[in-house]
Amino acid sequence: MRDPQALLFLSFGGPEQLDDVIPFLRNVTKGRNVPDERLAEVATQYEMFGGRSPINEQNRDLINALEAELNANGHDLPIYFGNRNWEPYVGDTVATMRADGIERALVFVTSAFGSYSGCRQYRENLAEAIGDHDDIELQKLRLFYNHPGFIEPAAANVATAIASHTAPPRIVFTAHSIPHSMAASCDYESQLNEAAQLVVDQLDPATHAGWDLVFQSRSGPPHIPWLEPDVNDHLATLAEADGASPVTLVPLGFISDHMEVMFDLDTQAVETANGLDLSMNRAHTVGTAPRFVTMIRELIEEQTSDKTRLFIGSAGPWPDQCPEGHCMTAKRPAGAGRPG
């Protein structure tokens, strides 16, 4: 897209007050027949934080940083903000873009890794927002899990976190678990492993005691297999080892410190570690790190010029269009996840 007129910043969304929580969770679990009683259980986790998820505010902070980055580099590209599951809804945002006369826009999605919920479902959201009209074109920017603008600030945050330990820690990378049925049709797990190794490759080997990839935030009935090990189970395993190393948690699967980081890691995992007498801290997500903000500009410039597509490692840059049949498994067991 050589002449985009705008950028659509697309994310998951989250409640901004207590009255929003149940309606938000109904949106997240739409079509899964999850009873309100189960949603009310999940809602208590939001109540611990005043009913407000920080994700929308964090996204607005990133948008503000990106606007400054684009302006400083000569890009006159207005940014529109839309969400899948809460206000501002992507459908409403696209309607506003139409009313503003936007006919061509690039789309940045706040998900580095490929899966149904992290990639293809966002493409479906865009298609639904466009509907039967052909008056607006929306081009999603590629996955960025191996882009230096993601890996480098992530590695810097890990280096800061591990330096605060008195002994080299075990690095434990975490990401949202997904059902095996979903993982079978995408490269989610392999991309996470690749990104984790790329981060570790930027660290001094003497400063850490190796790394693991674990998962968090699973939902749904226990008989449905999801990616494992769970972060809390893994912490128990590490604590049982002779001469257990301290641990640094790294929420690699998330770009900001939103609800799943605050509750699943900073609350639940911390309680687990304390109960095990395991020394543990957590690295920050990339958030609004300047190199990450620059990365978004570079992804835009890939589409608007002949700039080189940057990547680290041997896999190469992810294509603009996902491979046919990729990330197609949309089935998810009943349950209330808490992205946001």
Protein backbone atom coordinates (compact mmCIF):
# COMPACT_ATOMS: atom_id res chain seq x y z
CA MET A 1 0.00 0.00 0.00
CA ARG A 2 2.05 2.92 -1.31
CA ASP A 3 -0.30 5.73 -0.35
CA PRO A 4 -2.15 4.90 2.90
CA GLN A 5 -4.19 7.73 4.34
CA ALA A 6 -4.27 6.50 7.95
CA LEU A 7 -3.20 3.83 10.41
CA LEU A 8 -5.71 1.74 12.33
CA PHE A 9 -4.33 0.67 15.71
CA LEU A 10 -6.20 -2.55 16.55
CA SER A 11 -6.18 -4.31 19.92
CA PHE A 12 -8.17 -6.60 22.22
CA GLY A 13 -9.79 -4.07 24.52
CA GLY A 14 -10.61 -4.11 28.20
CA PRO A 15 -13.08 -2.70 30.73
CA GLU A 16 -12.47 0.77 32.11
CA GLN A 17 -14.81 0.61 35.14
CA LEU A 18 -16.61 -1.99 37.24
CA ASP A 19 -19.86 -1.70 35.31
CA ASP A 20 -17.97 -2.62 32.12
CA VAL A 21 -16.53 -5.91 33.37
CA ILE A 22 -19.41 -8.36 32.83
CA PRO A 23 -20.40 -6.88 29.43
CA PHE A 24 -16.75 -7.03 28.38
CA LEU A 25 -16.46 -10.68 29.45
CA ARG A 26 -19.67 -11.47 27.55
CA ASN A 27 -18.00 -10.03 24.45
CA VAL A 28 -14.85 -12.09 25.01
CA THR A 29 -16.82 -15.33 25.41
CA LYS A 30 -19.51 -14.63 22.81
CA GLY A 31 -20.79 -17.84 21.21
CA ARG A 32 -19.29 -20.14 23.87
CA ASN A 33 -22.34 -20.44 26.15
CA VAL A 34 -20.45 -19.31 29.22
CA PRO A 35 -22.92 -18.66 32.08
CA ASP A 36 -22.87 -15.34 33.89
CA GLU A 37 -22.03 -17.23 37.09
CA ARG A 38 -18.67 -18.16 35.59
CA LEU A 39 -18.14 -14.65 34.31
CA ALA A 40 -18.85 -13.31 37.80
CA GLU A 41 -16.01 -15.47 39.13
CA VAL A 42 -13.61 -13.94 36.64
CA ALA A 43 -14.98 -10.47 37.38
CA THR A 44 -13.73 -10.72 40.96
CA GLN A 45 -10.19 -10.62 39.55
CA TYR A 46 -10.94 -7.26 37.94
CA GLU A 47 -12.46 -6.01 41.20
CA MET A 48 -9.01 -6.36 42.77
CA PHE A 49 -7.90 -3.57 40.42
CA GLY A 50 -10.98 -1.37 40.70
CA GLY A 51 -12.67 -2.96 37.69
CA ARG A 52 -10.30 -1.23 35.29
CA SER A 53 -7.94 -2.93 32.90
CA PRO A 54 -4.90 -0.81 32.01
CA ILE A 55 -4.79 -2.05 28.40
CA ASN A 56 -6.70 0.83 26.77
CA GLU A 57 -4.63 3.45 28.57
CA GLN A 58 -1.43 1.61 27.66
CA ASN A 59 -2.52 1.49 24.04
CA ARG A 60 -3.28 5.21 24.07
CA ASP A 61 0.20 5.85 25.47
CA LEU A 62 1.69 3.80 22.64
CA ILE A 63 -0.45 5.64 20.07
CA ASN A 64 0.76 8.99 21.44
CA ALA A 65 4.39 7.85 21.22
CA LEU A 66 3.81 6.56 17.70
CA GLU A 67 2.21 9.82 16.57
CA ALA A 68 5.32 11.68 17.74
CA GLU A 69 7.57 9.14 15.97
CA LEU A 70 5.67 9.45 12.70
CA ASN A 71 5.59 13.25 12.83
CA ALA A 72 9.32 13.40 13.57
CA ASN A 73 10.00 11.29 10.49
CA GLY A 74 7.80 13.15 8.05
CA HIS A 75 4.78 10.85 8.03
CA ASP A 76 1.42 12.62 7.95
CA LEU A 77 -0.64 9.61 8.99
CA PRO A 78 -3.54 10.00 11.41
CA ILE A 79 -3.99 7.10 13.83
CA TYR A 80 -7.40 5.61 14.60
CA PHE A 81 -7.91 3.30 17.60
CA GLY A 82 -10.21 0.26 17.55
CA ASN A 83 -10.74 -2.83 19.72
CA ARG A 84 -12.23 -6.26 19.25
CA ASN A 85 -14.03 -6.59 22.57
CA TRP A 86 -14.57 -3.15 24.04
CA GLU A 87 -14.91 0.51 23.20
CA PRO A 88 -13.77 1.90 20.88
CA TYR A 89 -15.05 -1.07 18.83
CA VAL A 90 -13.26 -1.64 15.55
CA GLY A 91 -16.52 -1.54 13.60
CA ASP A 92 -17.31 1.91 14.97
CA THR A 93 -13.77 3.08 14.29
CA VAL A 94 -13.90 1.93 10.67
CA ALA A 95 -17.24 3.74 10.30
CA THR A 96 -15.55 6.92 11.58
CA MET A 97 -12.71 6.43 9.12
CA ARG A 98 -15.23 6.14 6.28
CA ALA A 99 -16.96 9.31 7.42
CA ASP A 100 -13.59 11.04 7.44
CA GLY A 101 -13.02 10.02 3.82
CA ILE A 102 -10.36 7.39 4.50
CA GLU A 103 -10.16 4.90 1.63
CA ARG A 104 -6.84 3.16 2.35
CA ALA A 105 -5.32 2.40 5.74
CA LEU A 106 -2.65 0.20 7.23
CA VAL A 107 -3.47 -1.77 10.39
CA PHE A 108 -1.15 -2.41 13.34
CA VAL A 109 -2.35 -5.26 15.58
CA THR A 110 -0.95 -5.50 19.12
CA SER A 111 -0.04 -9.18 18.79
CA ALA A 112 3.48 -10.27 17.87
CA PHE A 113 2.73 -13.96 17.36
CA GLY A 114 0.56 -15.97 15.01
CA SER A 115 -2.51 -17.86 16.24
CA TYR A 116 -6.22 -17.77 15.47
CA SER A 117 -7.00 -15.29 18.25
CA GLY A 118 -3.77 -13.33 17.76
CA CYS A 119 -3.82 -12.96 13.99
CA ARG A 120 -6.53 -14.47 11.80
CA GLN A 121 -9.40 -13.44 14.07
CA TYR A 122 -8.24 -9.84 13.77
CA ARG A 123 -8.33 -10.24 9.98
CA GLU A 124 -11.89 -11.53 10.36
CA ASN A 125 -12.72 -8.52 12.54
CA LEU A 126 -11.45 -6.24 9.77
CA ALA A 127 -13.43 -8.09 7.11
CA GLU A 128 -16.56 -7.80 9.23
CA ALA A 129 -15.97 -4.08 9.75
CA ILE A 130 -15.63 -3.56 6.00
CA GLY A 131 -18.70 -5.69 5.29
CA ASP A 132 -20.06 -5.78 1.76
CA HIS A 133 -18.65 -2.37 0.92
CA ASP A 134 -15.59 -1.81 -1.24
CA ASP A 135 -15.02 1.81 -0.27
CA ILE A 136 -12.16 1.18 2.17
CA GLU A 137 -9.03 -0.99 2.01
CA LEU A 138 -7.37 -2.19 5.22
CA GLN A 139 -3.92 -3.83 5.05
CA LYS A 140 -2.67 -5.55 8.22
CA LEU A 141 1.02 -5.11 9.00
CA ARG A 142 2.97 -8.34 9.36
CA LEU A 143 3.70 -10.29 12.53
CA PHE A 144 6.75 -8.86 14.31
CA TYR A 145 7.82 -11.62 16.72
CA ASN A 146 11.36 -11.72 15.24
CA HIS A 147 11.74 -8.03 14.39
CA PRO A 148 14.74 -6.38 16.08
CA GLY A 149 12.42 -3.63 17.29
CA PHE A 150 10.62 -6.21 19.43
CA ILE A 151 13.53 -8.47 20.39
CA GLU A 152 16.01 -5.76 21.35
CA PRO A 153 13.87 -3.88 23.91
CA ALA A 154 12.60 -7.19 25.28
CA ALA A 155 16.21 -8.31 25.79
CA ALA A 156 17.09 -4.99 27.43
CA ASN A 157 14.23 -5.43 29.90
CA VAL A 158 15.33 -8.98 30.68
CA ALA A 159 18.92 -7.82 31.23
CA THR A 160 17.70 -5.20 33.70
CA ALA A 161 15.59 -7.74 35.58
CA ILE A 162 18.24 -10.45 35.85
CA ALA A 163 20.84 -7.92 37.03
CA SER A 164 18.83 -7.34 40.21
CA HIS A 165 19.33 -10.95 41.36
CA THR A 166 22.28 -11.85 43.53
CA ALA A 167 22.82 -15.07 41.55
CA PRO A 168 22.18 -15.87 37.87
CA PRO A 169 18.45 -16.58 37.55
CA ARG A 170 16.52 -19.05 35.43
CA ILE A 171 14.68 -17.07 32.76
CA VAL A 172 11.07 -18.22 32.41
CA PHE A 173 9.29 -16.83 29.34
CA THR A 174 5.50 -16.83 29.52
CA ALA A 175 2.71 -16.48 26.98
CA HIS A 176 -1.05 -17.00 26.87
CA SER A 177 -1.87 -20.69 26.55
CA ILE A 178 -4.09 -21.82 23.68
CA PRO A 179 -5.85 -25.16 23.03
CA HIS A 180 -3.84 -27.84 21.24
CA SER A 181 -6.48 -27.82 18.52
CA MET A 182 -5.68 -24.16 17.85
CA ALA A 183 -1.93 -24.60 18.17
CA ALA A 184 -1.98 -27.37 15.55
CA SER A 185 -2.83 -24.94 12.74
CA CYS A 186 -0.32 -22.19 13.51
CA ASP A 187 3.31 -21.49 14.40
CA TYR A 188 2.50 -19.92 17.75
CA GLU A 189 4.61 -22.24 19.91
CA SER A 190 7.55 -22.36 17.52
CA GLN A 191 7.52 -18.57 17.13
CA LEU A 192 7.57 -18.15 20.91
CA ASN A 193 10.51 -20.53 21.20
CA GLU A 194 12.32 -18.71 18.42
CA ALA A 195 11.71 -15.29 19.96
CA ALA A 196 12.81 -16.50 23.40
CA GLN A 197 16.06 -17.83 21.97
CA LEU A 198 16.63 -14.58 20.07
CA VAL A 199 16.21 -12.63 23.32
CA VAL A 200 18.59 -14.94 25.18
CA ASP A 201 21.15 -14.68 22.38
CA GLN A 202 21.46 -10.97 23.20
CA LEU A 203 22.28 -11.64 26.86
CA ASP A 204 25.61 -12.44 28.50
CA PRO A 205 25.47 -16.22 29.12
CA ALA A 206 27.18 -15.73 32.48
CA THR A 207 24.26 -13.66 33.77
CA HIS A 208 21.56 -16.34 33.70
CA ALA A 209 21.01 -20.08 34.31
CA GLY A 210 19.21 -20.96 31.08
CA TRP A 211 15.62 -20.48 30.01
CA ASP A 212 12.23 -22.16 29.68
CA LEU A 213 8.97 -21.40 27.88
CA VAL A 214 5.76 -21.79 29.89
CA PHE A 215 2.14 -20.76 29.52
CA GLN A 216 -0.48 -18.90 31.54
CA SER A 217 -4.07 -17.68 31.56
CA ARG A 218 -5.70 -20.86 30.25
CA SER A 219 -9.46 -21.19 30.56
CA GLY A 220 -12.07 -23.77 29.73
CA PRO A 221 -12.80 -27.32 30.93
CA PRO A 222 -9.79 -29.26 32.25
CA HIS A 223 -10.32 -32.23 29.90
CA ILE A 224 -9.51 -30.02 26.87
CA PRO A 225 -5.72 -30.01 26.36
CA TRP A 226 -3.99 -26.63 26.24
CA LEU A 227 -0.32 -25.76 25.83
CA GLU A 228 1.71 -26.50 28.95
CA PRO A 229 3.47 -26.31 31.35
CA ASP A 230 1.50 -23.80 33.38
CA VAL A 231 3.70 -21.12 34.91
CA ASN A 232 2.71 -21.96 38.49
CA ASP A 233 3.36 -25.69 38.00
CA HIS A 234 6.72 -24.88 36.46
CA LEU A 235 7.71 -22.67 39.37
CA ALA A 236 7.00 -25.59 41.71
CA THR A 237 9.19 -27.84 39.57
CA LEU A 238 12.03 -25.33 39.65
CA ALA A 239 11.72 -24.91 43.42
CA GLU A 240 12.07 -28.67 43.93
CA ALA A 241 15.44 -28.75 42.15
CA ASP A 242 18.57 -28.98 44.27
CA GLY A 243 20.20 -25.59 44.56
CA ALA A 244 17.28 -23.90 42.84
CA SER A 245 18.19 -20.73 40.96
CA PRO A 246 16.21 -17.54 41.38
CA VAL A 247 13.71 -16.84 38.58
CA THR A 248 13.01 -13.96 36.25
CA LEU A 249 9.59 -14.11 34.61
CA VAL A 250 9.36 -12.63 31.11
CA PRO A 251 5.83 -12.05 29.69
CA LEU A 252 7.08 -12.46 26.13
CA GLY A 253 3.61 -13.07 24.70
CA PHE A 254 2.38 -9.58 25.66
CA ILE A 255 3.49 -6.11 24.59
CA SER A 256 2.19 -4.26 27.67
CA ASP A 257 1.75 -4.91 31.39
CA HIS A 258 -2.02 -5.36 31.22
CA MET A 259 -4.44 -7.48 33.26
CA GLU A 260 -3.02 -10.90 32.44
CA VAL A 261 0.39 -9.73 33.54
CA MET A 262 -0.89 -7.92 36.64
CA PHE A 263 -3.08 -10.77 37.88
CA ASP A 264 -1.64 -14.01 36.48
CA LEU A 265 1.99 -13.08 37.07
CA ASP A 266 2.23 -10.19 39.54
CA THR A 267 -0.47 -11.68 41.77
CA GLN A 268 -0.89 -15.43 41.25
CA ALA A 269 2.66 -16.34 40.23
CA VAL A 270 4.10 -14.13 42.97
CA GLU A 271 1.92 -15.91 45.53
CA THR A 272 3.13 -19.25 44.17
CA ALA A 273 6.79 -18.21 44.36
CA ASN A 274 6.40 -16.84 47.88
CA GLY A 275 4.78 -20.07 48.99
CA LEU A 276 7.71 -22.00 47.55
CA ASP A 277 10.28 -19.63 49.08
CA LEU A 278 11.51 -19.02 45.53
CA SER A 279 13.24 -15.74 44.74
CA MET A 280 11.52 -14.27 41.69
CA ASN A 281 11.10 -11.01 39.82
CA ARG A 282 9.57 -10.00 36.49
CA ALA A 283 10.84 -8.21 33.41
CA HIS A 284 8.74 -5.42 31.93
CA THR A 285 7.03 -5.79 28.57
CA VAL A 286 8.19 -3.61 25.67
CA GLY A 287 5.41 -1.06 26.25
CA THR A 288 6.42 2.30 24.79
CA ALA A 289 10.14 1.57 24.51
CA PRO A 290 11.53 3.91 21.82
CA ARG A 291 12.95 1.03 19.76
CA PHE A 292 9.55 -0.68 19.76
CA VAL A 293 7.81 2.52 18.67
CA THR A 294 10.37 2.89 15.89
CA MET A 295 9.61 -0.69 14.85
CA ILE A 296 5.99 0.20 14.15
CA ARG A 297 7.17 3.04 11.92
CA GLU A 298 9.51 0.64 10.14
CA LEU A 299 6.62 -1.80 9.55
CA ILE A 300 4.66 1.07 8.02
CA GLU A 301 7.59 2.08 5.82
CA GLU A 302 7.86 -1.48 4.50
CA GLN A 303 4.45 -0.93 2.96
CA THR A 304 4.99 2.61 1.71
CA SER A 305 8.51 2.35 0.28
CA ASP A 306 11.21 -0.12 -0.71
CA LYS A 307 12.75 -0.28 2.77
CA THR A 308 14.36 -3.56 3.82
CA ARG A 309 12.18 -5.85 5.91
CA LEU A 310 14.08 -6.23 9.17
CA PHE A 311 14.27 -9.47 11.15
CA ILE A 312 16.59 -11.39 13.45
CA GLY A 313 17.35 -15.09 13.14
CA SER A 314 17.04 -17.44 10.21
CA ALA A 315 13.26 -17.65 9.66
CA GLY A 316 12.99 -14.42 7.70
CA PRO A 317 10.25 -11.78 7.93
CA TRP A 318 6.67 -12.99 8.19
CA PRO A 319 4.68 -12.40 4.97
CA ASP A 320 2.00 -9.73 4.72
CA GLN A 321 -0.62 -12.39 4.01
CA CYS A 322 -0.64 -15.45 6.27
CA PRO A 323 -0.15 -18.77 4.46
CA GLU A 324 -3.33 -20.43 3.26
CA GLY A 325 -4.91 -22.52 6.00
CA HIS A 326 -2.78 -20.89 8.70
CA CYS A 327 -4.33 -20.11 12.10
CA MET A 328 -7.69 -21.44 10.95
CA THR A 329 -8.81 -23.30 14.07
CA ALA A 330 -11.42 -21.07 15.63
CA LYS A 331 -12.84 -23.57 18.12
CA ARG A 332 -12.23 -22.75 21.73
CA PRO A 333 -13.61 -24.50 24.78
CA ALA A 334 -16.08 -22.67 26.96
CA GLY A 335 -14.34 -20.46 29.47
CA ALA A 336 -13.59 -16.86 30.26
CA GLY A 337 -10.14 -15.74 29.36
CA ARG A 338 -9.00 -12.34 30.54
CA PRO A 339 -6.96 -10.68 27.80
CA GLY A 340 -7.08 -7.00 28.61
